[in-house]
Amino acid sequence: MVQNHQRKVRLNLSVYDRFHHRILREFRLLPDSAAIRFLTDAEMKRLNQTFRKKPTTTDVLSFPSEERARPARLRARAKALRGTFLGDIAISPAVACRNAKAFGRTLEQEICILMLHGLLHLLGYDHETDRGEMEHLELKLRRRLGLA
């Protein structure tokens, strides 16, 4: 499920809905395994302050339905969680737009990258603590999905 709860940045939701289904298929997860919501900067700032104690907006936040340890193997984790609701991914299109310009990507590419990033967090990966494992995996998946 992909929902737009902001109006500042125009989005073609069908593009993101298709990509959402594509990454879920990549992991062999069911179509309703995760929800993606596009939010305003103000709402992202509020969520970032509430849940991460950071008083600024951010590009993506993940809210797993339950706490998960870092998986040893992505495919095994996805298989074990098939049929489970993983959680919610919140994305700020305004921040994604600024990041896309800074990184030389299109807005569509940037948002798809954030969707993938958020899903990896829902599966238990954490780039802040894993010494580069999530980043390495994400780059590999970006190449496979045509986002490199």
N, C-alpha and C. Protein backbone atom coordinates (compact mmCIF):
# COMPACT_ATOMS: atom_id res chain seq x y z
N MET A 1 0.84 -1.16 0.00
CA MET A 1 0.00 0.00 0.00
C MET A 1 0.89 1.24 0.00
N VAL A 2 0.61 2.15 -0.90
CA VAL A 2 1.34 3.41 -1.00
C VAL A 2 0.32 4.54 -0.89
N GLN A 3 0.55 5.44 0.07
CA GLN A 3 -0.38 6.54 0.29
C GLN A 3 0.36 7.87 0.31
N ASN A 4 -0.29 8.90 -0.21
CA ASN A 4 0.29 10.23 -0.24
C ASN A 4 -0.45 11.13 0.74
N HIS A 5 0.25 11.59 1.79
CA HIS A 5 -0.33 12.47 2.80
C HIS A 5 0.34 13.84 2.78
N GLN A 6 0.78 14.27 1.62
CA GLN A 6 1.41 15.59 1.46
C GLN A 6 1.01 16.14 0.10
N ARG A 7 1.16 17.45 -0.06
CA ARG A 7 0.79 18.07 -1.34
C ARG A 7 1.89 18.92 -1.95
N LYS A 8 2.99 19.06 -1.25
CA LYS A 8 4.04 19.97 -1.71
C LYS A 8 4.71 19.46 -2.98
N VAL A 9 4.96 18.17 -3.06
CA VAL A 9 5.66 17.58 -4.20
C VAL A 9 4.68 16.69 -4.96
N ARG A 10 4.55 16.95 -6.26
CA ARG A 10 3.66 16.12 -7.08
C ARG A 10 4.30 14.75 -7.28
N LEU A 11 3.49 13.72 -7.06
CA LEU A 11 3.97 12.34 -7.18
C LEU A 11 3.04 11.54 -8.07
N ASN A 12 3.62 10.67 -8.86
CA ASN A 12 2.85 9.71 -9.64
C ASN A 12 2.83 8.42 -8.82
N LEU A 13 1.80 8.25 -8.02
CA LEU A 13 1.75 7.13 -7.09
C LEU A 13 1.81 5.77 -7.78
N SER A 14 1.34 5.68 -9.01
CA SER A 14 1.37 4.38 -9.69
C SER A 14 2.81 3.91 -9.91
N VAL A 15 3.73 4.84 -10.15
CA VAL A 15 5.14 4.49 -10.31
C VAL A 15 5.67 3.86 -9.02
N TYR A 16 5.35 4.46 -7.90
CA TYR A 16 5.86 3.98 -6.62
C TYR A 16 5.12 2.71 -6.16
N ASP A 17 3.86 2.60 -6.51
CA ASP A 17 3.13 1.38 -6.20
C ASP A 17 3.73 0.20 -6.96
N ARG A 18 4.05 0.40 -8.24
CA ARG A 18 4.68 -0.66 -9.04
C ARG A 18 6.05 -1.03 -8.47
N PHE A 19 6.85 -0.03 -8.10
CA PHE A 19 8.17 -0.32 -7.55
C PHE A 19 8.05 -1.02 -6.21
N HIS A 20 7.10 -0.61 -5.41
CA HIS A 20 6.86 -1.25 -4.11
C HIS A 20 6.59 -2.75 -4.32
N HIS A 21 5.71 -3.06 -5.25
CA HIS A 21 5.42 -4.46 -5.54
C HIS A 21 6.65 -5.18 -6.10
N ARG A 22 7.43 -4.47 -6.88
CA ARG A 22 8.64 -5.08 -7.45
C ARG A 22 9.64 -5.47 -6.37
N ILE A 23 9.88 -4.59 -5.40
CA ILE A 23 10.86 -4.95 -4.36
C ILE A 23 10.31 -6.03 -3.43
N LEU A 24 9.00 -6.01 -3.21
CA LEU A 24 8.43 -7.09 -2.40
C LEU A 24 8.57 -8.43 -3.12
N ARG A 25 8.34 -8.44 -4.44
CA ARG A 25 8.54 -9.67 -5.22
C ARG A 25 10.00 -10.10 -5.18
N GLU A 26 10.91 -9.14 -5.23
CA GLU A 26 12.35 -9.44 -5.19
C GLU A 26 12.70 -10.25 -3.94
N PHE A 27 12.03 -9.94 -2.83
CA PHE A 27 12.27 -10.65 -1.58
C PHE A 27 11.27 -11.78 -1.34
N ARG A 28 10.40 -11.99 -2.33
CA ARG A 28 9.35 -13.02 -2.24
C ARG A 28 8.41 -12.78 -1.05
N LEU A 29 8.10 -11.51 -0.85
CA LEU A 29 7.16 -11.12 0.20
C LEU A 29 5.79 -10.85 -0.43
N LEU A 30 4.76 -10.92 0.36
CA LEU A 30 3.41 -10.68 -0.14
C LEU A 30 3.17 -9.19 -0.37
N PRO A 31 2.23 -8.85 -1.26
CA PRO A 31 1.99 -7.44 -1.61
C PRO A 31 1.63 -6.53 -0.44
N ASP A 32 1.04 -7.06 0.61
CA ASP A 32 0.65 -6.22 1.74
C ASP A 32 1.61 -6.35 2.92
N SER A 33 2.87 -6.66 2.64
CA SER A 33 3.87 -6.85 3.69
C SER A 33 4.35 -5.56 4.34
N ALA A 34 4.19 -4.43 3.64
CA ALA A 34 4.65 -3.15 4.17
C ALA A 34 3.78 -2.04 3.61
N ALA A 35 3.66 -0.96 4.37
CA ALA A 35 2.93 0.22 3.92
C ALA A 35 3.90 1.37 3.77
N ILE A 36 3.70 2.16 2.72
CA ILE A 36 4.55 3.33 2.47
C ILE A 36 3.66 4.56 2.47
N ARG A 37 4.08 5.56 3.26
CA ARG A 37 3.33 6.80 3.33
C ARG A 37 4.26 7.98 3.04
N PHE A 38 3.83 8.82 2.13
CA PHE A 38 4.55 10.05 1.83
C PHE A 38 3.97 11.14 2.73
N LEU A 39 4.87 11.77 3.52
CA LEU A 39 4.45 12.73 4.53
C LEU A 39 5.08 14.09 4.32
N THR A 40 4.53 15.09 4.97
CA THR A 40 5.10 16.44 4.93
C THR A 40 6.38 16.48 5.75
N ASP A 41 7.19 17.50 5.48
CA ASP A 41 8.41 17.71 6.26
C ASP A 41 8.07 17.90 7.74
N ALA A 42 7.00 18.64 8.02
CA ALA A 42 6.62 18.89 9.42
C ALA A 42 6.30 17.58 10.14
N GLU A 43 5.59 16.68 9.46
CA GLU A 43 5.26 15.39 10.09
C GLU A 43 6.51 14.53 10.26
N MET A 44 7.39 14.55 9.26
CA MET A 44 8.64 13.78 9.37
C MET A 44 9.49 14.32 10.52
N LYS A 45 9.53 15.63 10.67
CA LYS A 45 10.29 16.23 11.77
C LYS A 45 9.71 15.80 13.11
N ARG A 46 8.38 15.80 13.22
CA ARG A 46 7.72 15.38 14.46
C ARG A 46 8.04 13.92 14.77
N LEU A 47 7.96 13.06 13.76
CA LEU A 47 8.26 11.64 13.97
C LEU A 47 9.72 11.42 14.33
N ASN A 48 10.62 12.14 13.66
CA ASN A 48 12.05 12.00 13.92
C ASN A 48 12.38 12.45 15.35
N GLN A 49 11.73 13.52 15.79
CA GLN A 49 11.92 14.00 17.17
C GLN A 49 11.36 12.99 18.18
N THR A 50 10.17 12.50 17.90
CA THR A 50 9.50 11.59 18.83
C THR A 50 10.24 10.26 18.97
N PHE A 51 10.64 9.69 17.84
CA PHE A 51 11.17 8.33 17.88
C PHE A 51 12.70 8.23 17.85
N ARG A 52 13.37 9.29 17.37
CA ARG A 52 14.83 9.22 17.29
C ARG A 52 15.49 10.34 18.08
N LYS A 53 14.70 11.21 18.67
CA LYS A 53 15.21 12.35 19.46
C LYS A 53 16.09 13.28 18.62
N LYS A 54 15.78 13.38 17.33
CA LYS A 54 16.50 14.28 16.43
C LYS A 54 15.53 15.36 15.97
N PRO A 55 15.85 16.65 16.23
CA PRO A 55 14.90 17.73 16.01
C PRO A 55 14.85 18.26 14.57
N THR A 56 15.13 17.43 13.61
CA THR A 56 15.12 17.86 12.21
C THR A 56 14.28 16.90 11.38
N THR A 57 13.95 17.33 10.17
CA THR A 57 13.27 16.44 9.26
C THR A 57 14.28 15.42 8.73
N THR A 58 13.78 14.42 8.06
CA THR A 58 14.65 13.39 7.47
C THR A 58 13.97 12.84 6.23
N ASP A 59 14.71 12.06 5.46
CA ASP A 59 14.15 11.56 4.20
C ASP A 59 13.28 10.33 4.37
N VAL A 60 13.69 9.38 5.22
CA VAL A 60 12.93 8.14 5.38
C VAL A 60 13.02 7.65 6.83
N LEU A 61 11.92 7.13 7.31
CA LEU A 61 11.86 6.49 8.63
C LEU A 61 11.13 5.17 8.46
N SER A 62 11.59 4.17 9.18
CA SER A 62 10.96 2.86 9.15
C SER A 62 10.43 2.52 10.53
N PHE A 63 9.25 1.93 10.55
CA PHE A 63 8.60 1.56 11.80
C PHE A 63 8.23 0.07 11.73
N PRO A 64 9.17 -0.80 12.14
CA PRO A 64 8.88 -2.23 12.10
C PRO A 64 7.70 -2.59 13.00
N SER A 65 6.93 -3.57 12.56
CA SER A 65 5.79 -4.02 13.36
C SER A 65 6.24 -4.71 14.64
N GLU A 66 7.48 -5.18 14.64
CA GLU A 66 8.08 -5.75 15.85
C GLU A 66 9.60 -5.62 15.73
N GLU A 67 10.27 -5.67 16.85
CA GLU A 67 11.73 -5.56 16.84
C GLU A 67 12.32 -6.83 16.23
N ARG A 68 13.28 -6.62 15.33
CA ARG A 68 13.93 -7.76 14.68
C ARG A 68 15.43 -7.62 14.80
N ALA A 69 16.10 -8.73 15.07
CA ALA A 69 17.56 -8.74 15.10
C ALA A 69 18.08 -8.69 13.67
N ARG A 70 19.31 -8.27 13.51
CA ARG A 70 19.93 -8.24 12.20
C ARG A 70 19.94 -9.66 11.62
N PRO A 71 19.44 -9.81 10.40
CA PRO A 71 19.41 -11.15 9.82
C PRO A 71 20.79 -11.61 9.36
N ALA A 72 21.02 -12.90 9.47
CA ALA A 72 22.27 -13.46 8.96
C ALA A 72 22.25 -13.48 7.43
N ARG A 73 21.09 -13.78 6.86
CA ARG A 73 20.96 -13.84 5.40
C ARG A 73 19.61 -13.23 5.01
N LEU A 74 19.64 -12.36 4.01
CA LEU A 74 18.45 -11.65 3.57
C LEU A 74 17.36 -12.61 3.11
N ARG A 75 17.67 -13.53 2.24
CA ARG A 75 16.66 -14.45 1.69
C ARG A 75 16.01 -15.30 2.79
N ALA A 76 16.82 -15.77 3.73
CA ALA A 76 16.27 -16.57 4.83
C ALA A 76 15.33 -15.73 5.68
N ARG A 77 15.71 -14.47 5.96
CA ARG A 77 14.86 -13.58 6.76
C ARG A 77 13.55 -13.32 6.03
N ALA A 78 13.63 -13.00 4.75
CA ALA A 78 12.42 -12.71 3.98
C ALA A 78 11.49 -13.93 3.94
N LYS A 79 12.08 -15.10 3.76
CA LYS A 79 11.29 -16.33 3.72
C LYS A 79 10.59 -16.57 5.05
N ALA A 80 11.29 -16.35 6.14
CA ALA A 80 10.72 -16.55 7.47
C ALA A 80 9.59 -15.56 7.76
N LEU A 81 9.66 -14.38 7.14
CA LEU A 81 8.66 -13.33 7.41
C LEU A 81 7.55 -13.28 6.35
N ARG A 82 7.59 -14.17 5.38
CA ARG A 82 6.56 -14.18 4.34
C ARG A 82 5.19 -14.33 5.00
N GLY A 83 4.27 -13.45 4.63
CA GLY A 83 2.93 -13.48 5.21
C GLY A 83 2.78 -12.61 6.44
N THR A 84 3.87 -12.01 6.89
CA THR A 84 3.87 -11.14 8.07
C THR A 84 3.82 -9.68 7.62
N PHE A 85 3.08 -8.84 8.35
CA PHE A 85 3.14 -7.41 8.09
C PHE A 85 4.42 -6.89 8.73
N LEU A 86 5.33 -6.36 7.91
CA LEU A 86 6.64 -5.94 8.40
C LEU A 86 6.60 -4.59 9.11
N GLY A 87 5.78 -3.68 8.62
CA GLY A 87 5.70 -2.36 9.23
C GLY A 87 5.46 -1.27 8.22
N ASP A 88 5.72 -0.02 8.66
CA ASP A 88 5.46 1.17 7.86
C ASP A 88 6.76 1.88 7.50
N ILE A 89 6.75 2.48 6.32
CA ILE A 89 7.87 3.30 5.86
C ILE A 89 7.31 4.69 5.58
N ALA A 90 7.90 5.70 6.20
CA ALA A 90 7.50 7.09 5.99
C ALA A 90 8.59 7.77 5.17
N ILE A 91 8.17 8.49 4.13
CA ILE A 91 9.12 9.18 3.25
C ILE A 91 8.68 10.62 3.08
N SER A 92 9.65 11.53 3.14
CA SER A 92 9.40 12.94 2.86
C SER A 92 9.79 13.23 1.41
N PRO A 93 8.82 13.44 0.53
CA PRO A 93 9.16 13.79 -0.85
C PRO A 93 9.94 15.10 -0.97
N ALA A 94 9.70 16.05 -0.05
CA ALA A 94 10.43 17.32 -0.10
C ALA A 94 11.92 17.09 0.15
N VAL A 95 12.26 16.29 1.15
CA VAL A 95 13.66 15.98 1.41
C VAL A 95 14.22 15.14 0.28
N ALA A 96 13.44 14.19 -0.22
CA ALA A 96 13.89 13.36 -1.34
C ALA A 96 14.20 14.22 -2.56
N CYS A 97 13.41 15.24 -2.79
CA CYS A 97 13.65 16.16 -3.91
C CYS A 97 14.99 16.88 -3.74
N ARG A 98 15.26 17.37 -2.55
CA ARG A 98 16.54 18.05 -2.29
C ARG A 98 17.70 17.07 -2.44
N ASN A 99 17.54 15.87 -1.91
CA ASN A 99 18.60 14.86 -2.01
C ASN A 99 18.85 14.46 -3.47
N ALA A 100 17.79 14.31 -4.24
CA ALA A 100 17.93 13.93 -5.64
C ALA A 100 18.79 14.94 -6.38
N LYS A 101 18.53 16.21 -6.15
CA LYS A 101 19.33 17.26 -6.78
C LYS A 101 20.79 17.18 -6.33
N ALA A 102 21.00 16.99 -5.04
CA ALA A 102 22.36 16.93 -4.50
C ALA A 102 23.13 15.72 -5.02
N PHE A 103 22.45 14.58 -5.23
CA PHE A 103 23.11 13.35 -5.67
C PHE A 103 23.06 13.14 -7.18
N GLY A 104 22.45 14.06 -7.91
CA GLY A 104 22.37 13.94 -9.37
C GLY A 104 21.45 12.82 -9.84
N ARG A 105 20.37 12.62 -9.10
CA ARG A 105 19.39 11.59 -9.47
C ARG A 105 18.05 12.25 -9.75
N THR A 106 17.15 11.49 -10.36
CA THR A 106 15.79 11.97 -10.51
C THR A 106 15.05 11.77 -9.19
N LEU A 107 13.96 12.49 -9.03
CA LEU A 107 13.14 12.31 -7.83
C LEU A 107 12.63 10.87 -7.77
N GLU A 108 12.22 10.33 -8.89
CA GLU A 108 11.73 8.96 -8.93
C GLU A 108 12.80 7.97 -8.45
N GLN A 109 14.03 8.12 -8.92
CA GLN A 109 15.11 7.24 -8.48
C GLN A 109 15.33 7.38 -6.97
N GLU A 110 15.37 8.61 -6.49
CA GLU A 110 15.63 8.85 -5.07
C GLU A 110 14.55 8.22 -4.19
N ILE A 111 13.31 8.39 -4.56
CA ILE A 111 12.23 7.82 -3.76
C ILE A 111 12.28 6.30 -3.80
N CYS A 112 12.59 5.72 -4.94
CA CYS A 112 12.70 4.26 -5.02
C CYS A 112 13.84 3.75 -4.15
N ILE A 113 14.94 4.47 -4.12
CA ILE A 113 16.07 4.11 -3.25
C ILE A 113 15.63 4.18 -1.78
N LEU A 114 14.87 5.21 -1.42
CA LEU A 114 14.39 5.33 -0.04
C LEU A 114 13.41 4.21 0.32
N MET A 115 12.61 3.80 -0.64
CA MET A 115 11.69 2.68 -0.40
C MET A 115 12.47 1.40 -0.11
N LEU A 116 13.50 1.14 -0.92
CA LEU A 116 14.35 -0.03 -0.71
C LEU A 116 15.05 0.06 0.65
N HIS A 117 15.60 1.21 0.95
CA HIS A 117 16.29 1.44 2.22
C HIS A 117 15.36 1.16 3.40
N GLY A 118 14.16 1.70 3.32
CA GLY A 118 13.19 1.50 4.39
C GLY A 118 12.81 0.04 4.56
N LEU A 119 12.66 -0.67 3.46
CA LEU A 119 12.31 -2.09 3.55
C LEU A 119 13.42 -2.90 4.21
N LEU A 120 14.67 -2.57 3.89
CA LEU A 120 15.79 -3.27 4.54
C LEU A 120 15.76 -3.05 6.06
N HIS A 121 15.40 -1.84 6.48
CA HIS A 121 15.26 -1.59 7.91
C HIS A 121 14.14 -2.45 8.50
N LEU A 122 13.03 -2.57 7.79
CA LEU A 122 11.93 -3.40 8.30
C LEU A 122 12.33 -4.85 8.44
N LEU A 123 13.28 -5.29 7.63
CA LEU A 123 13.75 -6.67 7.70
C LEU A 123 14.80 -6.88 8.80
N GLY A 124 15.23 -5.79 9.45
CA GLY A 124 16.15 -5.91 10.58
C GLY A 124 17.54 -5.35 10.37
N TYR A 125 17.82 -4.80 9.20
CA TYR A 125 19.14 -4.22 8.95
C TYR A 125 19.23 -2.84 9.58
N ASP A 126 20.44 -2.46 10.01
CA ASP A 126 20.66 -1.16 10.65
C ASP A 126 22.05 -0.66 10.28
N HIS A 127 22.11 0.29 9.36
CA HIS A 127 23.39 0.81 8.88
C HIS A 127 24.15 1.58 9.95
N GLU A 128 23.50 1.95 11.02
CA GLU A 128 24.18 2.69 12.09
C GLU A 128 25.00 1.77 12.99
N THR A 129 24.75 0.45 12.90
CA THR A 129 25.44 -0.46 13.81
C THR A 129 26.10 -1.66 13.13
N ASP A 130 25.96 -1.81 11.83
CA ASP A 130 26.40 -3.07 11.20
C ASP A 130 27.71 -3.01 10.42
N ARG A 131 28.47 -1.95 10.59
CA ARG A 131 29.79 -1.83 9.94
C ARG A 131 29.74 -1.99 8.42
N GLY A 132 28.72 -1.42 7.79
CA GLY A 132 28.66 -1.38 6.34
C GLY A 132 27.91 -2.50 5.66
N GLU A 133 27.40 -3.46 6.42
CA GLU A 133 26.71 -4.60 5.81
C GLU A 133 25.45 -4.17 5.05
N MET A 134 24.62 -3.33 5.67
CA MET A 134 23.39 -2.89 5.02
C MET A 134 23.71 -2.07 3.78
N GLU A 135 24.69 -1.19 3.88
CA GLU A 135 25.07 -0.35 2.74
C GLU A 135 25.53 -1.21 1.57
N HIS A 136 26.34 -2.22 1.84
CA HIS A 136 26.82 -3.12 0.80
C HIS A 136 25.65 -3.86 0.13
N LEU A 137 24.75 -4.38 0.94
CA LEU A 137 23.59 -5.09 0.43
C LEU A 137 22.70 -4.16 -0.38
N GLU A 138 22.48 -2.95 0.13
CA GLU A 138 21.63 -2.00 -0.56
C GLU A 138 22.21 -1.62 -1.92
N LEU A 139 23.51 -1.41 -2.00
CA LEU A 139 24.14 -1.09 -3.28
C LEU A 139 24.00 -2.24 -4.28
N LYS A 140 24.16 -3.44 -3.80
CA LYS A 140 23.99 -4.63 -4.64
C LYS A 140 22.55 -4.70 -5.18
N LEU A 141 21.58 -4.46 -4.30
CA LEU A 141 20.18 -4.49 -4.71
C LEU A 141 19.84 -3.34 -5.65
N ARG A 142 20.43 -2.17 -5.41
CA ARG A 142 20.19 -1.03 -6.32
C ARG A 142 20.64 -1.38 -7.73
N ARG A 143 21.80 -2.00 -7.84
CA ARG A 143 22.29 -2.39 -9.18
C ARG A 143 21.31 -3.39 -9.83
N ARG A 144 20.87 -4.37 -9.06
CA ARG A 144 19.95 -5.37 -9.58
C ARG A 144 18.64 -4.74 -10.03
N LEU A 145 18.18 -3.72 -9.30
CA LEU A 145 16.90 -3.07 -9.59
C LEU A 145 17.03 -1.88 -10.55
N GLY A 146 18.24 -1.62 -11.04
CA GLY A 146 18.45 -0.53 -11.98
C GLY A 146 18.48 0.85 -11.35
N LEU A 147 18.90 0.93 -10.09
CA LEU A 147 18.94 2.20 -9.37
C LEU A 147 20.36 2.68 -9.06
N ALA A 148 21.35 2.03 -9.59
CA ALA A 148 22.75 2.37 -9.25
C ALA A 148 23.18 3.68 -9.85
